Amino acid sequence: MISDEQLNEYRLSGEKIRVIRDALESNDVIGMVIAWDDSQVMIRRPNRRVVKLDRNYIFQSNNEPRRNIFG
């Protein structure tokens, strides 16, 4: 689970992040952190839609190469 400090860092910098939900790269969510609570994070995608995601997904900077954790 991503920490509150890391989420706040992403929010303040305005950096685009990648949320890895499964093994398919096409299912990743890319956007900016706008809010969070104990179990969910709200991400604003480039098309301005807001998505609520579970905090247990993998969060990383979009500038980094995608992590392959599923094999």
C-alpha atoms as a PDB file:
ATOM      1  CA  MET A   1       0.000   0.000   0.000  1.00  0.00           C
ATOM      2  CA  ILE A   2       1.301   3.432  -0.943  1.00  0.00           C
ATOM      3  CA  SER A   3       1.986   5.770   1.960  1.00  0.00           C
ATOM      4  CA  ASP A   4       0.227   9.076   2.635  1.00  0.00           C
ATOM      5  CA  GLU A   5       3.588  10.849   2.366  1.00  0.00           C
ATOM      6  CA  GLN A   6       4.251   9.456  -1.128  1.00  0.00           C
ATOM      7  CA  LEU A   7       0.729  10.353  -2.292  1.00  0.00           C
ATOM      8  CA  ASN A   8       1.138  13.887  -0.945  1.00  0.00           C
ATOM      9  CA  GLU A   9       4.480  14.200  -2.729  1.00  0.00           C
ATOM     10  CA  TYR A  10       2.855  13.172  -6.039  1.00  0.00           C
ATOM     11  CA  ARG A  11      -0.070  15.564  -5.444  1.00  0.00           C
ATOM     12  CA  LEU A  12       2.112  18.573  -4.621  1.00  0.00           C
ATOM     13  CA  SER A  13       4.483  18.027  -7.545  1.00  0.00           C
ATOM     14  CA  GLY A  14       1.651  17.500 -10.055  1.00  0.00           C
ATOM     15  CA  GLU A  15       3.641  14.628 -11.528  1.00  0.00           C
ATOM     16  CA  LYS A  16       1.799  12.098 -13.679  1.00  0.00           C
ATOM     17  CA  ILE A  17       1.765   8.639 -12.155  1.00  0.00           C
ATOM     18  CA  ARG A  18       1.031   5.161 -13.439  1.00  0.00           C
ATOM     19  CA  VAL A  19      -1.241   2.814 -11.494  1.00  0.00           C
ATOM     20  CA  ILE A  20      -0.541  -0.821 -12.376  1.00  0.00           C
ATOM     21  CA  ARG A  21      -3.688  -2.884 -11.837  1.00  0.00           C
ATOM     22  CA  ASP A  22      -2.781  -6.146 -13.573  1.00  0.00           C
ATOM     23  CA  ALA A  23      -0.347  -7.685 -16.070  1.00  0.00           C
ATOM     24  CA  LEU A  24      -1.775  -5.819 -19.093  1.00  0.00           C
ATOM     25  CA  GLU A  25      -0.198  -2.445 -19.734  1.00  0.00           C
ATOM     26  CA  SER A  26      -3.363  -1.303 -21.519  1.00  0.00           C
ATOM     27  CA  ASN A  27      -5.227  -1.509 -18.180  1.00  0.00           C
ATOM     28  CA  ASP A  28      -2.873   0.932 -16.434  1.00  0.00           C
ATOM     29  CA  VAL A  29      -4.301   4.255 -15.281  1.00  0.00           C
ATOM     30  CA  ILE A  30      -2.138   7.313 -15.921  1.00  0.00           C
ATOM     31  CA  GLY A  31      -2.934  10.638 -14.316  1.00  0.00           C
ATOM     32  CA  MET A  32      -2.410  12.957 -11.350  1.00  0.00           C
ATOM     33  CA  VAL A  33      -3.246  12.333  -7.691  1.00  0.00           C
ATOM     34  CA  ILE A  34      -5.973  14.670  -6.453  1.00  0.00           C
ATOM     35  CA  ALA A  35      -7.221  13.062  -3.198  1.00  0.00           C
ATOM     36  CA  TRP A  36      -7.108   9.913  -1.076  1.00  0.00           C
ATOM     37  CA  ASP A  37      -8.445   8.275   2.059  1.00  0.00           C
ATOM     38  CA  ASP A  38      -7.589   5.100   3.973  1.00  0.00           C
ATOM     39  CA  SER A  39      -8.599   2.720   1.185  1.00  0.00           C
ATOM     40  CA  GLN A  40      -8.869   4.654  -2.111  1.00  0.00           C
ATOM     41  CA  VAL A  41      -7.019   7.185  -4.264  1.00  0.00           C
ATOM     42  CA  MET A  42      -8.628   9.586  -6.732  1.00  0.00           C
ATOM     43  CA  ILE A  43      -6.698  10.057  -9.984  1.00  0.00           C
ATOM     44  CA  ARG A  44      -7.486  12.702 -12.626  1.00  0.00           C
ATOM     45  CA  ARG A  45      -6.814  11.225 -16.046  1.00  0.00           C
ATOM     46  CA  PRO A  46      -5.652  13.359 -19.030  1.00  0.00           C
ATOM     47  CA  ASN A  47      -9.241  13.469 -20.370  1.00  0.00           C
ATOM     48  CA  ARG A  48     -10.206  15.121 -17.031  1.00  0.00           C
ATOM     49  CA  ARG A  49     -12.219  12.158 -15.796  1.00  0.00           C
ATOM     50  CA  VAL A  50     -11.673  11.166 -12.199  1.00  0.00           C
ATOM     51  CA  VAL A  51     -11.116   7.529 -11.263  1.00  0.00           C
ATOM     52  CA  LYS A  52     -11.223   6.000  -7.766  1.00  0.00           C
ATOM     53  CA  LEU A  53      -8.661   3.233  -7.311  1.00  0.00           C
ATOM     54  CA  ASP A  54      -7.725   0.929  -4.451  1.00  0.00           C
ATOM     55  CA  ARG A  55      -4.551   1.893  -2.588  1.00  0.00           C
ATOM     56  CA  ASN A  56      -3.255  -1.680  -2.827  1.00  0.00           C
ATOM     57  CA  TYR A  57      -2.439  -1.268  -6.536  1.00  0.00           C
ATOM     58  CA  ILE A  58       1.115  -0.420  -7.569  1.00  0.00           C
ATOM     59  CA  PHE A  59       1.820   3.310  -7.969  1.00  0.00           C
ATOM     60  CA  GLN A  60       4.898   4.603  -9.775  1.00  0.00           C
ATOM     61  CA  SER A  61       6.045   7.680 -11.632  1.00  0.00           C
ATOM     62  CA  ASN A  62       4.992   7.670 -15.283  1.00  0.00           C
ATOM     63  CA  ASN A  63       8.538   8.750 -16.221  1.00  0.00           C
ATOM     64  CA  GLU A  64       9.960   5.414 -15.024  1.00  0.00           C
ATOM     65  CA  PRO A  65       9.814   2.238 -17.131  1.00  0.00           C
ATOM     66  CA  ARG A  66       6.778   0.099 -16.243  1.00  0.00           C
ATOM     67  CA  ARG A  67       7.513  -2.483 -13.561  1.00  0.00           C
ATOM     68  CA  ASN A  68       6.758  -6.075 -14.536  1.00  0.00           C
ATOM     69  CA  ILE A  69       5.708  -7.708 -11.273  1.00  0.00           C
ATOM     70  CA  PHE A  70       3.433 -10.404 -12.676  1.00  0.00           C
ATOM     71  CA  GLY A  71       5.998 -12.602 -14.324  1.00  0.00           C
END
